[in-house]
N, C-alpha and C. Protein backbone atom coordinates (compact mmCIF):
# COMPACT_ATOMS: atom_id res chain seq x y z
N MET A 1 53.92 58.16 54.12
CA MET A 1 54.94 58.96 53.85
C MET A 1 55.59 60.09 55.22
N SER A 2 56.44 59.86 56.11
CA SER A 2 56.93 60.93 57.18
C SER A 2 57.60 61.73 56.99
N TYR A 3 57.98 62.40 57.82
CA TYR A 3 59.36 63.49 57.52
C TYR A 3 59.43 64.09 59.04
N ASN A 4 60.48 64.58 59.12
CA ASN A 4 60.88 65.65 60.57
C ASN A 4 60.73 66.82 60.33
N SER A 5 60.33 67.78 61.40
CA SER A 5 59.85 69.13 61.54
C SER A 5 60.02 69.26 62.95
N ILE A 6 59.65 70.66 62.85
CA ILE A 6 59.81 71.14 64.80
C ILE A 6 58.79 71.36 65.26
N LEU A 7 58.66 71.20 66.48
CA LEU A 7 57.59 71.74 67.19
C LEU A 7 57.18 73.23 67.41
N LYS A 8 57.89 74.02 67.85
CA LYS A 8 57.79 75.19 68.19
C LYS A 8 59.05 75.99 67.73
N LYS A 9 58.92 77.45 68.12
CA LYS A 9 59.92 77.96 68.03
C LYS A 9 60.76 78.18 69.20
N GLU A 10 61.73 78.70 68.83
CA GLU A 10 63.00 78.60 69.73
C GLU A 10 63.93 79.65 69.11
N ILE A 11 65.05 80.11 70.24
CA ILE A 11 65.69 80.96 70.46
C ILE A 11 67.36 80.73 71.12
N ILE A 12 68.46 81.26 70.63
CA ILE A 12 69.56 81.03 71.03
C ILE A 12 70.29 82.36 70.91
N GLU A 13 71.24 82.38 71.51
CA GLU A 13 72.32 83.36 71.36
C GLU A 13 73.71 83.48 71.89
N THR A 14 74.14 83.95 71.22
CA THR A 14 76.28 83.70 71.41
C THR A 14 76.81 84.98 70.90
N GLU A 15 78.10 84.89 71.54
CA GLU A 15 79.12 86.08 71.71
C GLU A 15 79.79 85.75 70.71
N ILE A 16 80.92 86.17 69.57
CA ILE A 16 82.08 85.82 69.26
C ILE A 16 82.69 87.08 68.76
N LYS A 17 83.92 87.31 69.47
CA LYS A 17 84.23 88.77 69.28
C LYS A 17 83.70 89.64 68.98
N LYS A 18 83.00 89.55 70.11
CA LYS A 18 82.04 90.85 70.38
C LYS A 18 80.83 91.03 69.56
N SER A 19 80.73 90.40 68.12
CA SER A 19 79.37 90.35 67.67
C SER A 19 78.46 89.48 68.30
N ARG A 20 77.00 89.78 68.66
CA ARG A 20 76.41 88.91 69.04
C ARG A 20 75.50 88.11 67.96
N PHE A 21 75.48 86.93 67.85
CA PHE A 21 74.69 86.09 66.98
C PHE A 21 73.49 85.41 67.45
N ILE A 22 72.04 85.87 66.86
CA ILE A 22 71.22 85.40 67.52
C ILE A 22 70.27 84.40 66.93
N GLY A 23 69.90 82.92 66.93
CA GLY A 23 69.27 82.24 66.25
C GLY A 23 68.18 81.77 66.98
N TYR A 24 67.37 82.20 65.21
CA TYR A 24 65.80 81.66 65.71
C TYR A 24 65.36 80.12 64.65
N SER A 25 64.43 79.66 65.28
CA SER A 25 63.71 78.90 64.84
C SER A 25 62.28 78.68 64.50
N CYS A 26 61.85 78.68 63.53
CA CYS A 26 60.31 78.25 63.43
C CYS A 26 59.76 77.31 62.92
N PRO A 27 58.56 76.80 62.80
CA PRO A 27 58.05 75.51 62.01
C PRO A 27 56.93 76.74 61.24
N VAL A 28 56.98 76.46 60.16
CA VAL A 28 56.28 77.31 58.87
C VAL A 28 55.75 75.83 57.94
N GLU A 29 54.83 75.98 57.08
CA GLU A 29 54.22 75.16 56.15
C GLU A 29 54.43 76.17 54.89
N THR A 30 54.28 77.18 54.69
CA THR A 30 54.45 77.76 53.53
C THR A 30 55.73 79.27 53.46
N GLU A 31 56.14 79.08 51.92
CA GLU A 31 56.83 80.34 52.01
C GLU A 31 56.55 81.46 52.36
N GLU A 32 54.98 81.69 52.53
CA GLU A 32 54.47 82.78 52.72
C GLU A 32 54.53 83.02 54.43
N GLU A 33 54.29 82.17 54.75
CA GLU A 33 54.71 82.30 56.74
C GLU A 33 55.98 82.50 56.87
N ALA A 34 57.33 81.57 56.07
CA ALA A 34 58.37 81.52 56.49
C ALA A 34 58.93 83.55 56.32
N LEU A 35 58.76 83.87 55.31
CA LEU A 35 59.05 85.22 54.71
C LEU A 35 58.47 86.22 55.58
N LYS A 36 57.22 85.59 56.60
CA LYS A 36 56.77 86.84 57.24
C LYS A 36 57.45 86.64 58.84
N PHE A 37 58.22 85.24 59.02
CA PHE A 37 58.77 85.33 60.29
C PHE A 37 60.19 85.58 60.08
N VAL A 38 60.81 86.02 59.07
CA VAL A 38 61.85 86.81 58.61
C VAL A 38 61.67 88.44 58.84
N GLU A 39 60.59 89.00 58.04
CA GLU A 39 60.27 90.16 58.47
C GLU A 39 60.08 90.43 59.89
N TYR A 40 59.09 89.31 60.47
CA TYR A 40 58.92 89.91 62.00
C TYR A 40 60.52 89.88 62.82
N ILE A 41 61.26 89.07 62.68
CA ILE A 41 62.61 88.87 63.46
C ILE A 41 63.30 90.42 62.68
N LYS A 42 63.26 90.74 61.80
CA LYS A 42 63.86 91.85 61.42
C LYS A 42 63.26 92.93 62.09
N SER A 43 61.76 92.72 62.29
CA SER A 43 61.18 94.26 63.09
C SER A 43 61.06 94.18 64.27
N GLU A 44 61.97 93.21 65.22
CA GLU A 44 62.31 92.69 66.36
C GLU A 44 63.69 93.45 66.67
N ASN A 45 64.69 93.76 65.72
CA ASN A 45 65.96 93.75 65.70
C ASN A 45 66.44 94.84 64.83
N PRO A 46 65.89 96.07 64.78
CA PRO A 46 66.17 97.01 64.44
C PRO A 46 67.29 97.71 63.72
N GLN A 47 68.19 97.42 64.95
CA GLN A 47 69.54 98.35 64.97
C GLN A 47 70.57 96.47 64.81
N ALA A 48 70.09 95.63 64.30
CA ALA A 48 70.83 94.30 63.91
C ALA A 48 71.76 94.86 62.13
N ARG A 49 72.74 94.80 62.49
CA ARG A 49 73.25 94.37 61.08
C ARG A 49 73.14 93.72 60.11
N HIS A 50 73.27 92.39 60.25
CA HIS A 50 72.45 91.29 59.49
C HIS A 50 71.57 90.58 59.91
N ASN A 51 70.14 90.35 59.14
CA ASN A 51 69.04 89.23 59.45
C ASN A 51 69.11 87.80 59.11
N CYS A 52 70.21 87.34 58.47
CA CYS A 52 70.60 85.98 57.68
C CYS A 52 69.63 84.64 57.79
N PHE A 53 69.14 84.16 56.49
CA PHE A 53 68.07 83.29 56.97
C PHE A 53 67.86 82.39 55.91
N ALA A 54 67.62 81.00 55.91
CA ALA A 54 67.31 80.05 55.20
C ALA A 54 65.86 79.09 55.84
N TYR A 55 65.68 79.17 54.73
CA TYR A 55 64.30 77.68 54.82
C TYR A 55 64.24 76.63 53.69
N ILE A 56 63.90 75.71 54.42
CA ILE A 56 62.96 74.69 53.48
C ILE A 56 61.75 73.81 53.98
N ILE A 57 61.41 73.80 52.23
CA ILE A 57 59.30 73.67 53.24
C ILE A 57 58.87 72.81 52.13
N GLY A 58 58.06 72.10 52.43
CA GLY A 58 57.42 70.90 51.75
C GLY A 58 58.05 69.50 51.98
N GLU A 59 57.11 68.37 52.13
CA GLU A 59 57.49 66.79 52.12
C GLU A 59 58.43 66.79 51.32
N LYS A 60 58.86 67.06 50.12
CA LYS A 60 59.62 66.85 49.36
C LYS A 60 60.66 67.30 49.13
N LYS A 61 60.92 68.60 50.56
CA LYS A 61 61.75 69.67 50.48
C LYS A 61 62.08 70.25 49.03
N LEU A 62 60.85 70.71 48.44
CA LEU A 62 61.22 71.19 46.87
C LEU A 62 61.18 72.87 47.06
N THR A 63 61.32 73.68 48.25
CA THR A 63 61.41 75.00 48.64
C THR A 63 62.35 75.10 49.04
N GLN A 64 63.51 75.56 48.96
CA GLN A 64 64.61 75.94 49.82
C GLN A 64 65.16 77.46 49.11
N ARG A 65 65.39 78.41 49.98
CA ARG A 65 65.87 79.34 49.70
C ARG A 65 66.93 79.80 51.01
N TYR A 66 67.70 80.62 51.06
CA TYR A 66 68.68 81.65 51.76
C TYR A 66 68.78 82.94 51.67
N SER A 67 69.58 83.61 52.35
CA SER A 67 69.93 84.72 51.98
C SER A 67 70.79 85.06 52.67
N ASP A 68 72.27 85.48 52.22
CA ASP A 68 73.49 86.47 53.66
C ASP A 68 72.91 88.04 53.63
N ASP A 69 71.91 88.55 53.02
CA ASP A 69 71.66 89.78 54.25
C ASP A 69 72.75 90.76 54.37
N GLY A 70 73.71 90.89 53.25
CA GLY A 70 74.52 91.80 53.18
C GLY A 70 75.89 91.16 53.70
N GLU A 71 76.15 89.97 54.07
CA GLU A 71 77.14 89.34 54.64
C GLU A 71 78.24 88.71 52.95
N PRO A 72 78.90 88.52 53.09
CA PRO A 72 79.96 88.09 52.29
C PRO A 72 79.43 86.91 51.41
N SER A 73 79.03 87.21 50.18
CA SER A 73 78.45 85.97 49.52
C SER A 73 78.97 84.62 50.14
N GLY A 74 77.94 83.33 50.54
CA GLY A 74 78.40 82.39 50.42
C GLY A 74 78.60 81.99 52.36
N THR A 75 78.75 83.27 53.00
CA THR A 75 79.21 83.00 54.21
C THR A 75 77.93 82.80 55.66
N ALA A 76 76.85 82.81 55.06
CA ALA A 76 76.09 82.79 56.13
C ALA A 76 74.56 81.92 55.69
N GLY A 77 73.93 82.68 54.38
CA GLY A 77 72.93 81.69 54.26
C GLY A 77 72.91 80.22 54.19
N ILE A 78 73.68 80.00 53.38
CA ILE A 78 74.31 78.56 52.79
C ILE A 78 74.56 78.11 54.10
N PRO A 79 75.56 77.99 54.79
CA PRO A 79 75.71 77.42 56.08
C PRO A 79 74.70 77.10 56.65
N ILE A 80 73.55 78.06 57.13
CA ILE A 80 72.33 78.05 58.04
C ILE A 80 71.77 76.90 57.26
N LEU A 81 71.49 77.15 55.77
CA LEU A 81 70.70 75.98 54.86
C LEU A 81 71.14 74.89 55.09
N ASP A 82 72.44 74.48 54.47
CA ASP A 82 73.35 73.41 54.94
C ASP A 82 72.82 72.75 56.30
N ILE A 83 72.88 73.32 57.60
CA ILE A 83 72.39 72.53 59.05
C ILE A 83 70.91 72.11 58.77
N ILE A 84 70.25 72.70 57.99
CA ILE A 84 69.01 71.96 58.05
C ILE A 84 68.83 71.13 57.16
N LYS A 85 69.80 70.69 55.71
CA LYS A 85 69.80 69.83 54.75
C LYS A 85 70.35 68.54 56.29
N LYS A 86 71.28 69.14 57.06
CA LYS A 86 71.97 67.81 57.39
C LYS A 86 71.31 67.36 58.66
N LYS A 87 70.48 68.07 59.01
CA LYS A 87 69.37 67.69 60.33
C LYS A 87 68.23 66.97 59.55
N ASP A 88 68.18 66.92 58.31
CA ASP A 88 67.11 66.27 57.56
C ASP A 88 65.74 66.81 58.39
N ILE A 89 65.58 67.77 57.93
CA ILE A 89 64.53 68.74 58.75
C ILE A 89 63.94 69.27 57.53
N THR A 90 62.42 69.67 57.42
CA THR A 90 61.32 70.34 56.32
C THR A 90 60.68 71.56 57.47
N ASP A 91 60.06 72.39 56.76
CA ASP A 91 58.58 73.22 57.10
C ASP A 91 59.66 73.87 58.66
N ILE A 92 60.43 74.23 58.03
CA ILE A 92 61.33 75.06 59.15
C ILE A 92 62.19 76.29 58.59
N CYS A 93 62.10 77.27 58.99
CA CYS A 93 62.72 78.62 58.66
C CYS A 93 63.95 78.93 59.47
N ILE A 94 64.89 79.11 59.95
CA ILE A 94 65.67 79.41 60.58
C ILE A 94 66.19 80.92 60.18
N VAL A 95 66.49 81.62 61.41
CA VAL A 95 67.42 83.07 61.09
C VAL A 95 68.49 83.57 62.09
N VAL A 96 69.28 84.14 61.50
CA VAL A 96 70.71 84.36 62.60
C VAL A 96 70.64 85.70 62.55
N THR A 97 70.41 86.72 63.88
CA THR A 97 70.74 87.99 63.51
C THR A 97 71.99 88.34 64.05
N ARG A 98 72.90 89.37 63.57
CA ARG A 98 74.03 89.55 64.08
C ARG A 98 73.86 90.96 64.31
N TYR A 99 74.50 91.37 65.36
CA TYR A 99 74.87 92.59 66.09
C TYR A 99 76.20 92.38 65.73
N PHE A 100 76.80 93.57 64.88
CA PHE A 100 78.32 93.80 64.93
C PHE A 100 78.84 94.46 65.95
N GLY A 101 80.02 93.72 66.40
CA GLY A 101 80.54 94.21 67.52
C GLY A 101 82.29 94.74 67.28
N GLY A 102 82.13 95.12 65.58
CA GLY A 102 83.44 95.89 65.37
C GLY A 102 84.85 95.04 65.31
N ILE A 103 84.73 93.58 65.38
CA ILE A 103 85.96 92.90 64.87
C ILE A 103 85.35 91.91 63.94
N LEU A 104 86.21 92.17 62.47
CA LEU A 104 85.93 91.32 61.35
C LEU A 104 86.01 90.03 61.89
N LEU A 105 85.52 88.97 61.27
CA LEU A 105 85.83 87.38 61.71
C LEU A 105 86.21 86.60 60.28
N GLY A 106 86.39 87.39 59.18
CA GLY A 106 86.51 86.71 58.03
C GLY A 106 85.72 85.94 57.62
N ALA A 107 85.89 85.15 56.10
CA ALA A 107 85.03 84.42 55.80
C ALA A 107 84.81 83.43 56.42
N GLY A 108 85.92 82.82 56.57
CA GLY A 108 85.84 80.64 57.60
C GLY A 108 85.14 81.45 59.28
N GLY A 109 85.80 82.53 59.56
CA GLY A 109 84.62 83.17 60.95
C GLY A 109 83.25 82.94 60.81
N LEU A 110 82.93 83.70 59.85
CA LEU A 110 81.49 83.75 59.40
C LEU A 110 80.78 82.83 59.20
N ILE A 111 81.28 81.61 58.42
CA ILE A 111 80.66 80.90 57.85
C ILE A 111 80.22 79.67 59.55
N ARG A 112 81.55 79.61 60.42
CA ARG A 112 81.19 78.77 61.51
C ARG A 112 80.35 79.71 62.24
N ALA A 113 80.43 80.90 62.28
CA ALA A 113 79.34 81.33 63.36
C ALA A 113 78.13 81.29 63.02
N TYR A 114 77.89 81.32 62.06
CA TYR A 114 76.21 81.06 61.45
C TYR A 114 76.04 80.19 61.85
N SER A 115 76.95 78.95 61.22
CA SER A 115 76.44 77.51 60.91
C SER A 115 76.31 76.87 62.51
N ASN A 116 77.03 77.11 63.45
CA ASN A 116 77.19 77.11 65.07
C ASN A 116 75.91 77.38 65.87
N ALA A 117 75.68 78.95 64.81
CA ALA A 117 74.14 79.36 65.57
C ALA A 117 72.71 78.81 64.91
N ALA A 118 73.22 78.28 64.04
CA ALA A 118 72.01 77.76 63.13
C ALA A 118 71.85 76.03 63.86
N ASN A 119 72.82 75.58 63.96
CA ASN A 119 72.75 74.30 64.83
C ASN A 119 72.25 74.39 66.40
N ASP A 120 72.87 75.31 66.60
CA ASP A 120 72.81 75.26 68.22
C ASP A 120 71.15 75.66 68.04
N VAL A 121 70.29 76.31 67.55
CA VAL A 121 68.96 76.37 67.69
C VAL A 121 67.84 75.24 67.29
N VAL A 122 68.50 74.59 66.30
CA VAL A 122 68.10 73.44 65.95
C VAL A 122 68.25 72.60 66.95
N ASN A 123 69.10 72.32 67.85
CA ASN A 123 69.58 71.43 68.75
C ASN A 123 68.46 71.53 69.92
N LYS A 124 68.21 72.84 70.03
CA LYS A 124 67.30 72.72 71.33
C LYS A 124 65.65 73.23 70.86
N SER A 125 65.31 73.21 69.48
CA SER A 125 64.36 72.82 69.11
C SER A 125 63.84 71.24 69.51
N ILE A 126 62.73 70.67 69.27
CA ILE A 126 61.96 69.58 69.73
C ILE A 126 61.65 69.05 68.33
N ILE A 127 62.38 68.19 68.17
CA ILE A 127 61.86 67.41 66.48
C ILE A 127 60.84 66.74 66.75
N VAL A 128 59.98 66.92 65.87
CA VAL A 128 58.87 66.02 65.78
C VAL A 128 58.71 64.98 64.36
N GLU A 129 58.35 64.11 63.98
CA GLU A 129 58.10 63.47 63.11
C GLU A 129 56.81 63.80 62.79
N LYS A 130 56.61 64.18 61.41
CA LYS A 130 54.82 64.04 60.93
C LYS A 130 54.69 63.20 60.07
N LYS A 131 53.34 62.71 60.50
CA LYS A 131 53.26 61.19 59.68
C LYS A 131 51.65 61.35 59.27
N TYR A 132 50.83 60.89 58.34
CA TYR A 132 49.76 61.10 58.53
C TYR A 132 48.56 59.95 58.86
N PHE A 133 47.74 60.55 59.99
CA PHE A 133 46.86 59.81 60.45
C PHE A 133 45.53 59.73 59.78
N SER A 134 44.75 58.58 59.89
CA SER A 134 43.10 58.60 59.88
C SER A 134 42.55 58.87 60.91
N SER A 135 41.46 59.76 61.13
CA SER A 135 40.67 60.05 61.88
C SER A 135 39.35 58.99 61.75
N PHE A 136 38.66 58.52 62.69
CA PHE A 136 37.67 57.79 62.70
C PHE A 136 36.64 58.18 63.93
N THR A 137 35.44 57.82 63.47
CA THR A 137 34.40 57.69 64.75
C THR A 137 33.94 56.25 65.01
N LEU A 138 33.59 56.05 65.65
CA LEU A 138 33.48 54.69 66.06
C LEU A 138 32.30 54.24 67.18
N LYS A 139 31.03 53.64 66.42
CA LYS A 139 29.89 54.06 67.89
C LYS A 139 29.68 52.22 67.73
N ILE A 140 29.97 51.86 69.04
CA ILE A 140 29.66 50.52 69.68
C ILE A 140 28.98 50.74 70.95
N ASP A 141 28.28 49.65 70.77
CA ASP A 141 27.29 49.19 72.00
C ASP A 141 28.04 49.27 73.55
N TYR A 142 27.32 48.95 74.30
CA TYR A 142 28.04 49.34 75.57
C TYR A 142 28.53 47.52 75.95
N ASN A 143 27.87 46.59 75.24
CA ASN A 143 28.37 45.22 76.02
C ASN A 143 29.93 45.23 74.95
N SER A 144 30.29 45.95 73.98
CA SER A 144 31.64 45.90 73.52
C SER A 144 32.65 46.73 73.43
N TYR A 145 32.13 47.23 74.72
CA TYR A 145 33.01 48.90 74.65
C TYR A 145 34.20 48.38 75.60
N GLY A 146 34.15 47.39 76.60
CA GLY A 146 35.11 47.63 77.22
C GLY A 146 36.34 46.92 76.07
N ARG A 147 35.83 45.27 75.71
CA ARG A 147 36.57 44.96 74.90
C ARG A 147 37.28 45.57 73.38
N ILE A 148 36.76 47.06 73.15
CA ILE A 148 36.85 47.67 71.76
C ILE A 148 38.21 48.46 72.67
N LEU A 149 37.72 49.25 73.84
CA LEU A 149 38.50 49.68 74.63
C LEU A 149 39.99 49.45 74.69
N ASN A 150 40.05 47.98 75.08
CA ASN A 150 41.01 47.32 75.28
C ASN A 150 41.72 47.17 74.31
N TYR A 151 41.73 47.01 72.98
CA TYR A 151 42.24 46.76 71.92
C TYR A 151 42.61 48.05 71.83
N LEU A 152 42.10 48.89 71.09
CA LEU A 152 42.68 50.44 71.10
C LEU A 152 43.81 50.48 71.66
N GLU A 153 43.87 50.73 73.11
CA GLU A 153 44.72 51.13 73.64
C GLU A 153 45.84 50.45 73.70
N GLU A 154 45.94 49.14 73.63
CA GLU A 154 47.14 48.20 73.64
C GLU A 154 47.65 48.23 71.85
N ASN A 155 47.16 48.71 71.08
CA ASN A 155 47.41 48.95 69.93
C ASN A 155 47.58 49.86 69.41
N GLY A 156 48.12 51.02 70.33
CA GLY A 156 48.57 52.48 70.00
C GLY A 156 47.47 53.22 69.50
N VAL A 157 46.27 53.10 69.12
CA VAL A 157 45.33 54.16 68.82
C VAL A 157 44.91 54.76 69.84
N TYR A 158 45.34 56.36 69.06
CA TYR A 158 45.08 57.71 69.79
C TYR A 158 43.42 57.66 70.08
N ILE A 159 42.76 57.90 71.24
CA ILE A 159 41.47 58.46 71.60
C ILE A 159 41.60 59.31 71.97
N LYS A 160 40.94 60.28 71.31
CA LYS A 160 40.47 61.63 71.28
C LYS A 160 39.33 62.38 72.39
N ASN A 161 38.35 61.69 72.17
CA ASN A 161 36.88 61.66 73.22
C ASN A 161 36.50 60.77 73.06
N LYS A 162 35.30 61.04 74.28
CA LYS A 162 34.33 59.73 74.38
C LYS A 162 33.30 60.36 74.70
N GLN A 163 32.19 59.92 74.16
CA GLN A 163 30.61 60.26 74.21
C GLN A 163 29.89 59.23 74.72
N TYR A 164 29.06 59.21 75.90
CA TYR A 164 28.07 58.37 76.11
C TYR A 164 26.99 58.54 76.11
N GLU A 165 26.26 58.14 74.99
CA GLU A 165 24.38 58.15 75.17
C GLU A 165 24.13 57.30 75.04
N GLU A 166 23.00 57.03 73.68
CA GLU A 166 22.56 55.33 73.59
C GLU A 166 23.56 54.28 73.29
N ASP A 167 24.49 54.72 72.64
CA ASP A 167 25.81 54.14 72.23
C ASP A 167 27.04 54.90 72.75
N VAL A 168 28.07 53.79 72.40
CA VAL A 168 29.15 54.85 72.73
C VAL A 168 29.76 55.55 71.88
N SER A 169 30.44 56.67 71.49
CA SER A 169 31.10 57.32 70.38
C SER A 169 32.73 57.59 70.65
N LEU A 170 33.29 56.98 70.04
CA LEU A 170 34.83 57.41 70.05
C LEU A 170 35.41 58.03 69.07
N ASN A 171 36.31 58.93 69.04
CA ASN A 171 37.25 59.55 67.98
C ASN A 171 38.82 59.42 68.12
N VAL A 172 38.45 58.65 67.65
CA VAL A 172 40.06 58.20 67.28
C VAL A 172 40.92 58.49 66.25
N PHE A 173 42.47 57.71 66.45
CA PHE A 173 43.25 58.53 65.19
C PHE A 173 44.26 57.16 65.07
N ILE A 174 44.59 57.15 63.88
CA ILE A 174 45.02 55.60 63.50
C ILE A 174 46.20 56.34 62.26
N GLU A 175 47.47 55.26 62.51
CA GLU A 175 48.56 55.83 61.31
C GLU A 175 48.15 55.14 60.09
N GLU A 176 47.74 56.43 59.14
CA GLU A 176 47.43 55.73 58.00
C GLU A 176 47.72 54.37 57.24
N GLU A 177 48.60 54.06 57.32
CA GLU A 177 48.82 52.55 57.13
C GLU A 177 48.52 51.36 57.95
N LYS A 178 48.03 51.82 58.82
CA LYS A 178 47.19 51.02 59.81
C LYS A 178 45.93 50.94 59.73
N GLU A 179 45.53 51.55 59.20
CA GLU A 179 43.94 51.68 58.65
C GLU A 179 43.01 50.89 58.59
N GLU A 180 43.72 50.09 57.51
CA GLU A 180 42.39 48.54 56.95
C GLU A 180 42.67 47.61 58.20
N ASN A 181 44.00 47.38 58.79
CA ASN A 181 44.16 46.61 59.62
C ASN A 181 43.12 46.68 61.24
N LEU A 182 43.26 48.09 61.33
CA LEU A 182 42.20 48.76 62.37
C LEU A 182 40.68 48.29 62.01
N ARG A 183 40.26 48.30 60.55
CA ARG A 183 38.88 48.07 60.36
C ARG A 183 38.62 46.55 60.69
N LYS A 184 39.58 45.82 60.02
CA LYS A 184 39.15 44.49 59.93
C LYS A 184 38.89 43.84 61.28
N ASN A 185 40.07 44.15 62.10
CA ASN A 185 40.19 43.63 63.48
C ASN A 185 38.88 44.41 64.47
N LEU A 186 38.20 45.69 64.54
CA LEU A 186 37.37 46.01 64.83
C LEU A 186 36.08 45.35 64.70
N LEU A 187 36.01 44.91 63.17
CA LEU A 187 34.53 44.04 62.58
C LEU A 187 34.57 42.87 63.31
N ASP A 188 35.84 42.46 63.19
CA ASP A 188 36.18 40.66 63.95
C ASP A 188 35.93 40.60 65.23
N LEU A 189 36.16 41.96 66.19
CA LEU A 189 36.06 41.71 67.46
C LEU A 189 34.65 42.23 67.47
N THR A 190 33.44 42.30 66.92
CA THR A 190 32.37 42.93 67.45
C THR A 190 30.98 42.08 66.81
N SER A 191 31.86 40.91 65.62
CA SER A 191 30.82 40.38 64.99
C SER A 191 30.42 41.25 63.73
N GLY A 192 30.60 42.36 63.63
CA GLY A 192 30.07 43.55 62.59
C GLY A 192 29.43 44.40 63.31
N ASN A 193 29.24 44.45 64.43
CA ASN A 193 28.18 45.35 65.41
C ASN A 193 29.21 46.86 65.69
N ILE A 194 29.36 47.54 64.73
CA ILE A 194 30.29 48.47 65.07
C ILE A 194 29.90 49.43 63.85
N GLN A 195 30.09 50.40 64.17
CA GLN A 195 29.96 51.71 62.91
C GLN A 195 31.11 52.10 63.01
N ILE A 196 32.14 52.28 62.13
CA ILE A 196 32.92 52.82 61.40
C ILE A 196 32.82 54.34 60.46
N LEU A 197 33.09 55.30 61.13
CA LEU A 197 32.93 56.57 60.22
C LEU A 197 34.24 56.87 60.05
N PHE A 198 34.64 57.16 58.71
CA PHE A 198 35.68 57.85 58.30
C PHE A 198 35.54 59.24 58.43
N ASN A 199 36.60 60.23 58.77
CA ASN A 199 36.29 61.47 59.12
C ASN A 199 37.26 62.33 57.95
N LYS A 200 38.43 62.22 58.52
CA LYS A 200 39.38 62.78 57.30
C LYS A 200 40.83 62.45 57.67
N LYS A 201 41.77 62.19 56.90
CA LYS A 201 43.31 62.51 57.40
C LYS A 201 43.85 63.71 57.70
N ASN A 202 44.89 62.97 58.31
CA ASN A 202 45.34 64.56 59.41
C ASN A 202 47.02 64.46 59.13
N LEU A 203 47.86 65.46 58.91
CA LEU A 203 49.33 65.30 58.88
C LEU A 203 49.63 65.99 60.34
N MET A 204 50.11 64.88 61.32
CA MET A 204 50.12 65.50 62.56
C MET A 204 51.50 64.92 63.25
N ASN A 205 52.00 65.91 64.59
CA ASN A 205 52.80 65.43 64.84
C ASN A 205 53.04 64.15 65.79
N THR A 206 54.48 63.42 65.80
CA THR A 206 54.73 62.31 66.66
C THR A 206 56.31 62.74 67.63
N ILE A 207 55.95 62.31 68.75
CA ILE A 207 57.66 62.43 69.02
C ILE A 207 57.70 61.47 69.73
N ASN A 208 58.88 60.83 69.69
CA ASN A 208 59.53 59.53 70.00
C ASN A 208 57.94 58.43 69.64
N GLY A 209 57.78 58.32 68.42
CA GLY A 209 56.39 57.65 68.21
C GLY A 209 55.29 57.64 68.76
N GLN A 210 55.12 58.99 69.60
CA GLN A 210 53.86 58.92 69.90
C GLN A 210 52.84 60.17 69.63
N LEU A 211 51.94 59.93 69.33
CA LEU A 211 50.82 61.15 68.67
C LEU A 211 50.84 62.50 69.27
N TYR A 212 51.46 63.88 69.21
CA TYR A 212 51.44 64.66 70.00
C TYR A 212 50.26 65.68 69.66
N ILE A 213 49.10 65.72 70.51
CA ILE A 213 48.27 66.75 70.12
C ILE A 213 47.83 67.85 71.10
């Protein structure tokens, strides 16, 4: 299974009728991380009138929270949350900070402002697709090395590092669903003369289908 998130923190700022709206996005994996990010943004903006937020966490998006932080009910937190849902992203927290400029925007104006700020900061963010990868250590002799290396490179297997000792050791990552096919093909290519040592499964970022490390 895979799902979309963001790679790193981003920030945008806009002004609407003299009010400053600052949107922040942050990748998070737990509710504790999300709340810490909210508190951090509040500490960075002690003079701000409002720090409204929303976050969705988990592969199945089971954890969803939002706050209007003093704005009229339904005008800030829910619009931010709706943007996250619309973008089909999880493991993300968005905070929109407002410095009040003295002009009331009305309920409709607030909804548009918070929604636009959240949308803009997500659009600025780098979207990643999180997938499960299996990590292996391959031990091969030098006679098979060139053939195996070509196969790995041609089939999208990510090679993290290489060690040249009595044999060649390669630390590789492969998408979980391709794991069994990789084992079979490596054994066939080497007539069984290869050690395939499973390390662990990792939830990792991909961008445009390429593993990002």
